[in-house]
Amino acid sequence: MTYMEWYQAHGEKHKVIMDKLTHLSNEEIVAYFRFDNMVEKEPDFCLLYKDNKKCHDVEELNCYLCACPNFRFDDDTWEMKGKTYLSTCSINSKEGGEFVTDAGIHQDCSKCLVPHMESYIRRNFSRDWFEIMEDVLP
């Protein structure tokens, strides 16, 4: 699956959930996307939910911004500082890293918790996930 295919599919899953939550306030929506609630009420939102497994080892994980607005990707590679990239972090998070495949270098977000913190979600909140994520596109 390409980054773009995942982006589109995930955005559509997010929209289906949001269409059910129109009666909730923004704060109630943020609370709804807490990991424990999502595992129970939205088991198809994430592949890890079936095993009750978190993508990040943090007690208070919120899944509203499963994908990070600071992530940048292109299914075509680009050159930067003599290296071939497919994705990167726009804020160069100190918890971020890189992993290399035959295709190029990918951003490793596995240790970064920025988009999963409710304070960050509140500051960047929109009921339209695609609006929050619009800068990730090339």
N, C-alpha and C. Protein backbone atom coordinates (compact mmCIF):
# COMPACT_ATOMS: atom_id res chain seq x y z
N MET A 1 0.85 -1.18 0.00
CA MET A 1 0.00 0.00 0.00
C MET A 1 0.90 1.24 0.00
N THR A 2 0.59 2.18 -0.85
CA THR A 2 1.36 3.42 -0.91
C THR A 2 0.93 4.36 0.22
N TYR A 3 1.74 5.38 0.47
CA TYR A 3 1.35 6.38 1.46
C TYR A 3 0.01 7.02 1.06
N MET A 4 -0.15 7.36 -0.20
CA MET A 4 -1.38 8.02 -0.65
C MET A 4 -2.60 7.11 -0.48
N GLU A 5 -2.44 5.84 -0.78
CA GLU A 5 -3.57 4.90 -0.60
C GLU A 5 -3.95 4.83 0.88
N TRP A 6 -2.95 4.75 1.77
CA TRP A 6 -3.24 4.70 3.20
C TRP A 6 -3.91 6.00 3.64
N TYR A 7 -3.37 7.12 3.20
CA TYR A 7 -3.90 8.44 3.56
C TYR A 7 -5.38 8.54 3.20
N GLN A 8 -5.72 8.19 1.98
CA GLN A 8 -7.12 8.27 1.53
C GLN A 8 -8.01 7.31 2.31
N ALA A 9 -7.57 6.07 2.48
CA ALA A 9 -8.37 5.07 3.19
C ALA A 9 -8.57 5.46 4.65
N HIS A 10 -7.51 5.92 5.30
CA HIS A 10 -7.62 6.29 6.70
C HIS A 10 -8.53 7.52 6.87
N GLY A 11 -8.37 8.48 5.99
CA GLY A 11 -9.23 9.67 6.05
C GLY A 11 -10.70 9.33 5.90
N GLU A 12 -10.98 8.37 5.05
CA GLU A 12 -12.39 7.94 4.87
C GLU A 12 -12.90 7.23 6.12
N LYS A 13 -12.09 6.39 6.75
CA LYS A 13 -12.50 5.73 8.00
C LYS A 13 -12.76 6.77 9.08
N HIS A 14 -11.90 7.78 9.15
CA HIS A 14 -12.06 8.85 10.12
C HIS A 14 -13.38 9.59 9.87
N LYS A 15 -13.68 9.87 8.62
CA LYS A 15 -14.92 10.58 8.26
C LYS A 15 -16.16 9.79 8.65
N VAL A 16 -16.15 8.47 8.45
CA VAL A 16 -17.29 7.63 8.82
C VAL A 16 -17.57 7.76 10.32
N ILE A 17 -16.52 7.74 11.12
CA ILE A 17 -16.69 7.90 12.58
C ILE A 17 -17.21 9.30 12.90
N MET A 18 -16.62 10.31 12.29
CA MET A 18 -17.04 11.68 12.57
C MET A 18 -18.49 11.92 12.16
N ASP A 19 -18.94 11.29 11.10
CA ASP A 19 -20.34 11.44 10.68
C ASP A 19 -21.31 10.89 11.73
N LYS A 20 -20.84 9.95 12.54
CA LYS A 20 -21.67 9.39 13.62
C LYS A 20 -21.66 10.28 14.86
N LEU A 21 -20.68 11.19 14.97
CA LEU A 21 -20.47 11.94 16.20
C LEU A 21 -20.88 13.41 16.10
N THR A 22 -21.71 13.75 15.15
CA THR A 22 -22.07 15.16 14.94
C THR A 22 -22.74 15.78 16.17
N HIS A 23 -23.34 14.96 17.02
CA HIS A 23 -24.03 15.46 18.21
C HIS A 23 -23.07 15.77 19.36
N LEU A 24 -21.80 15.39 19.24
CA LEU A 24 -20.83 15.59 20.32
C LEU A 24 -20.10 16.93 20.17
N SER A 25 -19.69 17.49 21.30
CA SER A 25 -18.86 18.70 21.28
C SER A 25 -17.45 18.30 20.84
N ASN A 26 -16.64 19.28 20.51
CA ASN A 26 -15.26 19.00 20.13
C ASN A 26 -14.52 18.26 21.24
N GLU A 27 -14.70 18.68 22.47
CA GLU A 27 -14.04 18.03 23.60
C GLU A 27 -14.51 16.59 23.75
N GLU A 28 -15.78 16.33 23.54
CA GLU A 28 -16.30 14.96 23.62
C GLU A 28 -15.74 14.09 22.49
N ILE A 29 -15.52 14.69 21.34
CA ILE A 29 -14.92 13.95 20.23
C ILE A 29 -13.49 13.56 20.56
N VAL A 30 -12.73 14.49 21.11
CA VAL A 30 -11.36 14.18 21.51
C VAL A 30 -11.37 13.02 22.50
N ALA A 31 -12.27 13.07 23.47
CA ALA A 31 -12.37 11.98 24.46
C ALA A 31 -12.79 10.66 23.80
N TYR A 32 -13.66 10.72 22.83
CA TYR A 32 -14.12 9.51 22.13
C TYR A 32 -12.95 8.77 21.48
N PHE A 33 -11.97 9.51 20.99
CA PHE A 33 -10.84 8.90 20.27
C PHE A 33 -9.74 8.38 21.20
N ARG A 34 -9.99 8.33 22.50
CA ARG A 34 -9.02 7.72 23.40
C ARG A 34 -8.92 6.22 23.08
N PHE A 35 -7.72 5.70 23.18
CA PHE A 35 -7.43 4.33 22.77
C PHE A 35 -8.43 3.31 23.32
N ASP A 36 -8.66 3.30 24.62
CA ASP A 36 -9.53 2.28 25.21
C ASP A 36 -10.94 2.34 24.64
N ASN A 37 -11.46 3.53 24.41
CA ASN A 37 -12.79 3.68 23.83
C ASN A 37 -12.81 3.22 22.38
N MET A 38 -11.78 3.56 21.64
CA MET A 38 -11.73 3.19 20.22
C MET A 38 -11.64 1.67 20.04
N VAL A 39 -10.86 1.01 20.88
CA VAL A 39 -10.76 -0.46 20.81
C VAL A 39 -12.13 -1.08 20.98
N GLU A 40 -12.91 -0.53 21.90
CA GLU A 40 -14.25 -1.06 22.18
C GLU A 40 -15.26 -0.69 21.10
N LYS A 41 -15.30 0.59 20.71
CA LYS A 41 -16.39 1.07 19.84
C LYS A 41 -16.05 1.12 18.36
N GLU A 42 -14.78 1.17 18.01
CA GLU A 42 -14.37 1.29 16.60
C GLU A 42 -13.26 0.28 16.27
N PRO A 43 -13.52 -1.01 16.46
CA PRO A 43 -12.46 -2.02 16.31
C PRO A 43 -11.84 -2.10 14.92
N ASP A 44 -12.51 -1.59 13.91
CA ASP A 44 -11.97 -1.65 12.55
C ASP A 44 -11.14 -0.42 12.17
N PHE A 45 -11.02 0.53 13.07
CA PHE A 45 -10.28 1.76 12.77
C PHE A 45 -8.78 1.49 12.64
N CYS A 46 -8.26 0.56 13.41
CA CYS A 46 -6.82 0.27 13.42
C CYS A 46 -6.60 -1.23 13.49
N LEU A 47 -5.65 -1.71 12.73
CA LEU A 47 -5.32 -3.14 12.74
C LEU A 47 -4.84 -3.62 14.11
N LEU A 48 -4.24 -2.74 14.89
CA LEU A 48 -3.73 -3.12 16.20
C LEU A 48 -4.83 -3.32 17.23
N TYR A 49 -5.99 -2.73 17.00
CA TYR A 49 -7.08 -2.82 17.97
C TYR A 49 -7.51 -4.25 18.24
N LYS A 50 -7.47 -5.12 17.24
CA LYS A 50 -7.94 -6.50 17.45
C LYS A 50 -7.11 -7.22 18.51
N ASP A 51 -5.86 -6.80 18.69
CA ASP A 51 -4.99 -7.37 19.71
C ASP A 51 -4.87 -6.47 20.94
N ASN A 52 -5.69 -5.42 21.00
CA ASN A 52 -5.66 -4.44 22.08
C ASN A 52 -4.24 -3.91 22.28
N LYS A 53 -3.57 -3.65 21.17
CA LYS A 53 -2.17 -3.23 21.18
C LYS A 53 -2.07 -1.76 20.75
N LYS A 54 -1.24 -1.01 21.46
CA LYS A 54 -1.01 0.39 21.13
C LYS A 54 0.17 0.52 20.17
N CYS A 55 0.12 1.53 19.33
CA CYS A 55 1.23 1.81 18.41
C CYS A 55 2.37 2.51 19.14
N HIS A 56 2.08 3.16 20.25
CA HIS A 56 3.07 3.85 21.06
C HIS A 56 2.88 3.45 22.52
N ASP A 57 3.94 3.26 23.23
CA ASP A 57 3.89 2.84 24.63
C ASP A 57 3.69 4.06 25.52
N VAL A 58 2.45 4.46 25.62
CA VAL A 58 2.09 5.61 26.46
C VAL A 58 0.72 5.32 27.08
N GLU A 59 0.55 5.70 28.33
CA GLU A 59 -0.69 5.39 29.03
C GLU A 59 -1.89 6.10 28.41
N GLU A 60 -1.78 7.39 28.15
CA GLU A 60 -2.88 8.19 27.64
C GLU A 60 -2.75 8.38 26.12
N LEU A 61 -3.00 7.36 25.36
CA LEU A 61 -2.89 7.43 23.90
C LEU A 61 -4.22 7.88 23.31
N ASN A 62 -4.17 8.91 22.48
CA ASN A 62 -5.36 9.36 21.77
C ASN A 62 -5.13 9.13 20.28
N CYS A 63 -6.13 8.57 19.61
CA CYS A 63 -5.99 8.13 18.21
C CYS A 63 -6.60 9.11 17.20
N TYR A 64 -7.02 10.30 17.65
CA TYR A 64 -7.65 11.24 16.71
C TYR A 64 -6.71 11.58 15.56
N LEU A 65 -5.46 11.84 15.88
CA LEU A 65 -4.47 12.13 14.84
C LEU A 65 -3.54 10.93 14.69
N CYS A 66 -4.12 9.82 14.31
CA CYS A 66 -3.33 8.60 14.07
C CYS A 66 -2.18 8.92 13.13
N ALA A 67 -2.44 9.66 12.12
CA ALA A 67 -1.38 10.17 11.24
C ALA A 67 -1.06 11.58 11.70
N CYS A 68 0.19 11.95 11.61
CA CYS A 68 0.65 13.23 12.15
C CYS A 68 0.64 14.33 11.09
N PRO A 69 0.11 15.50 11.43
CA PRO A 69 0.13 16.63 10.49
C PRO A 69 1.55 17.11 10.14
N ASN A 70 2.54 16.67 10.90
CA ASN A 70 3.93 17.05 10.64
C ASN A 70 4.64 16.07 9.71
N PHE A 71 4.00 14.97 9.39
CA PHE A 71 4.56 13.97 8.48
C PHE A 71 4.46 14.50 7.05
N ARG A 72 5.49 14.31 6.29
CA ARG A 72 5.49 14.70 4.88
C ARG A 72 5.84 13.47 4.06
N PHE A 73 5.09 13.24 3.00
CA PHE A 73 5.36 12.07 2.18
C PHE A 73 5.15 12.36 0.71
N ASP A 74 5.74 11.52 -0.09
CA ASP A 74 5.52 11.53 -1.53
C ASP A 74 5.78 10.10 -1.99
N ASP A 75 4.86 9.53 -2.73
CA ASP A 75 5.06 8.16 -3.20
C ASP A 75 6.17 8.09 -4.24
N ASP A 76 6.57 9.24 -4.76
CA ASP A 76 7.78 9.33 -5.58
C ASP A 76 8.88 9.84 -4.66
N THR A 77 10.09 9.41 -4.90
CA THR A 77 11.19 9.83 -4.04
C THR A 77 11.63 11.25 -4.38
N TRP A 78 12.33 11.89 -3.44
CA TRP A 78 12.97 13.17 -3.70
C TRP A 78 14.35 13.15 -3.05
N GLU A 79 15.22 13.96 -3.58
CA GLU A 79 16.59 14.02 -3.09
C GLU A 79 16.74 15.19 -2.12
N MET A 80 17.44 14.93 -1.03
CA MET A 80 17.71 15.96 -0.05
C MET A 80 19.05 15.62 0.61
N LYS A 81 19.98 16.54 0.54
CA LYS A 81 21.29 16.34 1.14
C LYS A 81 21.94 15.03 0.66
N GLY A 82 21.75 14.73 -0.63
CA GLY A 82 22.37 13.56 -1.21
C GLY A 82 21.73 12.23 -0.86
N LYS A 83 20.54 12.28 -0.23
CA LYS A 83 19.84 11.05 0.15
C LYS A 83 18.48 11.00 -0.54
N THR A 84 17.97 9.81 -0.74
CA THR A 84 16.67 9.61 -1.38
C THR A 84 15.60 9.38 -0.32
N TYR A 85 14.59 10.25 -0.30
CA TYR A 85 13.54 10.20 0.72
C TYR A 85 12.17 9.87 0.12
N LEU A 86 11.35 9.20 0.94
CA LEU A 86 9.94 8.98 0.65
C LEU A 86 9.06 9.71 1.67
N SER A 87 9.61 9.92 2.88
CA SER A 87 8.87 10.64 3.91
C SER A 87 9.85 11.26 4.90
N THR A 88 9.35 12.29 5.59
CA THR A 88 10.18 13.01 6.55
C THR A 88 9.27 13.71 7.57
N CYS A 89 9.85 14.33 8.58
CA CYS A 89 9.12 15.07 9.60
C CYS A 89 9.38 16.56 9.42
N SER A 90 8.32 17.35 9.31
CA SER A 90 8.48 18.79 9.06
C SER A 90 9.01 19.55 10.27
N ILE A 91 8.89 18.98 11.47
CA ILE A 91 9.39 19.66 12.66
C ILE A 91 10.67 19.01 13.18
N ASN A 92 11.17 18.02 12.46
CA ASN A 92 12.38 17.30 12.89
C ASN A 92 12.30 16.90 14.37
N SER A 93 11.20 16.25 14.72
CA SER A 93 10.99 15.83 16.11
C SER A 93 12.21 15.09 16.64
N LYS A 94 12.64 15.46 17.84
CA LYS A 94 13.82 14.82 18.43
C LYS A 94 13.56 13.35 18.72
N GLU A 95 12.30 12.94 18.81
CA GLU A 95 11.97 11.54 19.03
C GLU A 95 11.86 10.77 17.72
N GLY A 96 11.88 11.48 16.62
CA GLY A 96 11.77 10.84 15.31
C GLY A 96 13.08 10.22 14.87
N GLY A 97 12.99 9.42 13.85
CA GLY A 97 14.18 8.78 13.29
C GLY A 97 13.94 8.47 11.83
N GLU A 98 14.81 7.66 11.29
CA GLU A 98 14.68 7.25 9.88
C GLU A 98 14.90 5.75 9.78
N PHE A 99 14.27 5.13 8.79
CA PHE A 99 14.62 3.77 8.46
C PHE A 99 14.77 3.68 6.96
N VAL A 100 15.67 2.84 6.53
CA VAL A 100 16.05 2.76 5.13
C VAL A 100 15.53 1.46 4.53
N THR A 101 14.93 1.59 3.34
CA THR A 101 14.52 0.44 2.55
C THR A 101 15.21 0.55 1.19
N ASP A 102 15.01 -0.44 0.36
CA ASP A 102 15.58 -0.38 -0.99
C ASP A 102 15.05 0.82 -1.77
N ALA A 103 13.81 1.24 -1.47
CA ALA A 103 13.19 2.36 -2.19
C ALA A 103 13.73 3.71 -1.74
N GLY A 104 14.15 3.81 -0.49
CA GLY A 104 14.64 5.08 0.02
C GLY A 104 14.48 5.18 1.52
N ILE A 105 14.57 6.40 2.04
CA ILE A 105 14.51 6.66 3.47
C ILE A 105 13.09 7.07 3.86
N HIS A 106 12.61 6.46 4.94
CA HIS A 106 11.28 6.75 5.47
C HIS A 106 11.42 7.36 6.87
N GLN A 107 10.48 8.20 7.22
CA GLN A 107 10.43 8.75 8.57
C GLN A 107 9.98 7.66 9.54
N ASP A 108 10.65 7.53 10.65
CA ASP A 108 10.28 6.61 11.72
C ASP A 108 9.68 7.42 12.86
N CYS A 109 8.37 7.30 13.02
CA CYS A 109 7.65 8.08 14.03
C CYS A 109 7.33 7.26 15.28
N SER A 110 7.86 6.07 15.37
CA SER A 110 7.46 5.13 16.42
C SER A 110 7.73 5.62 17.84
N LYS A 111 8.67 6.51 18.03
CA LYS A 111 8.98 7.00 19.38
C LYS A 111 8.43 8.40 19.64
N CYS A 112 7.75 8.96 18.67
CA CYS A 112 7.22 10.32 18.80
C CYS A 112 5.76 10.27 19.23
N LEU A 113 5.42 11.02 20.25
CA LEU A 113 4.05 11.03 20.77
C LEU A 113 3.30 12.31 20.45
N VAL A 114 3.92 13.24 19.75
CA VAL A 114 3.34 14.57 19.51
C VAL A 114 1.86 14.50 19.08
N PRO A 115 1.48 13.79 18.02
CA PRO A 115 0.09 13.87 17.57
C PRO A 115 -0.90 13.09 18.45
N HIS A 116 -0.40 12.33 19.40
CA HIS A 116 -1.28 11.51 20.25
C HIS A 116 -1.58 12.16 21.59
N MET A 117 -1.05 13.35 21.81
CA MET A 117 -1.30 14.07 23.06
C MET A 117 -2.54 14.95 22.89
N GLU A 118 -3.45 14.90 23.84
CA GLU A 118 -4.70 15.64 23.69
C GLU A 118 -4.50 17.14 23.61
N SER A 119 -3.49 17.67 24.25
CA SER A 119 -3.24 19.11 24.16
C SER A 119 -2.90 19.49 22.71
N TYR A 120 -2.12 18.67 22.02
CA TYR A 120 -1.77 18.91 20.62
C TYR A 120 -3.01 18.78 19.74
N ILE A 121 -3.81 17.77 19.99
CA ILE A 121 -5.03 17.56 19.21
C ILE A 121 -5.96 18.76 19.35
N ARG A 122 -6.14 19.24 20.56
CA ARG A 122 -7.01 20.41 20.78
C ARG A 122 -6.51 21.64 20.03
N ARG A 123 -5.19 21.86 20.04
CA ARG A 123 -4.63 23.03 19.35
C ARG A 123 -4.79 22.94 17.83
N ASN A 124 -4.85 21.74 17.30
CA ASN A 124 -4.92 21.53 15.85
C ASN A 124 -6.25 20.98 15.39
N PHE A 125 -7.24 20.98 16.25
CA PHE A 125 -8.49 20.28 16.01
C PHE A 125 -9.29 20.87 14.84
N SER A 126 -9.81 19.96 14.07
CA SER A 126 -10.85 20.25 13.07
C SER A 126 -11.68 18.98 12.98
N ARG A 127 -12.94 19.12 12.72
CA ARG A 127 -13.78 17.94 12.53
C ARG A 127 -13.48 17.26 11.20
N ASP A 128 -12.75 17.94 10.35
CA ASP A 128 -12.37 17.41 9.05
C ASP A 128 -10.89 17.00 9.11
N TRP A 129 -10.62 15.69 9.20
CA TRP A 129 -9.27 15.16 9.29
C TRP A 129 -8.43 15.58 8.09
N PHE A 130 -9.04 15.58 6.90
CA PHE A 130 -8.30 15.97 5.70
C PHE A 130 -7.82 17.42 5.78
N GLU A 131 -8.59 18.29 6.44
CA GLU A 131 -8.18 19.68 6.61
C GLU A 131 -6.94 19.77 7.51
N ILE A 132 -6.93 19.03 8.61
CA ILE A 132 -5.77 19.03 9.49
C ILE A 132 -4.53 18.50 8.76
N MET A 133 -4.75 17.51 7.91
CA MET A 133 -3.65 16.79 7.28
C MET A 133 -3.22 17.36 5.92
N GLU A 134 -3.81 18.46 5.47
CA GLU A 134 -3.57 18.94 4.12
C GLU A 134 -2.10 19.24 3.80
N ASP A 135 -1.30 19.59 4.79
CA ASP A 135 0.11 19.92 4.51
C ASP A 135 1.00 18.70 4.32
N VAL A 136 0.50 17.49 4.61
CA VAL A 136 1.34 16.30 4.45
C VAL A 136 1.55 15.96 2.98
N LEU A 137 0.68 16.45 2.13
CA LEU A 137 0.74 16.12 0.71
C LEU A 137 1.82 16.90 0.00
N PRO A 138 2.43 16.25 -1.01
CA PRO A 138 3.49 16.94 -1.78
C PRO A 138 2.93 18.10 -2.60
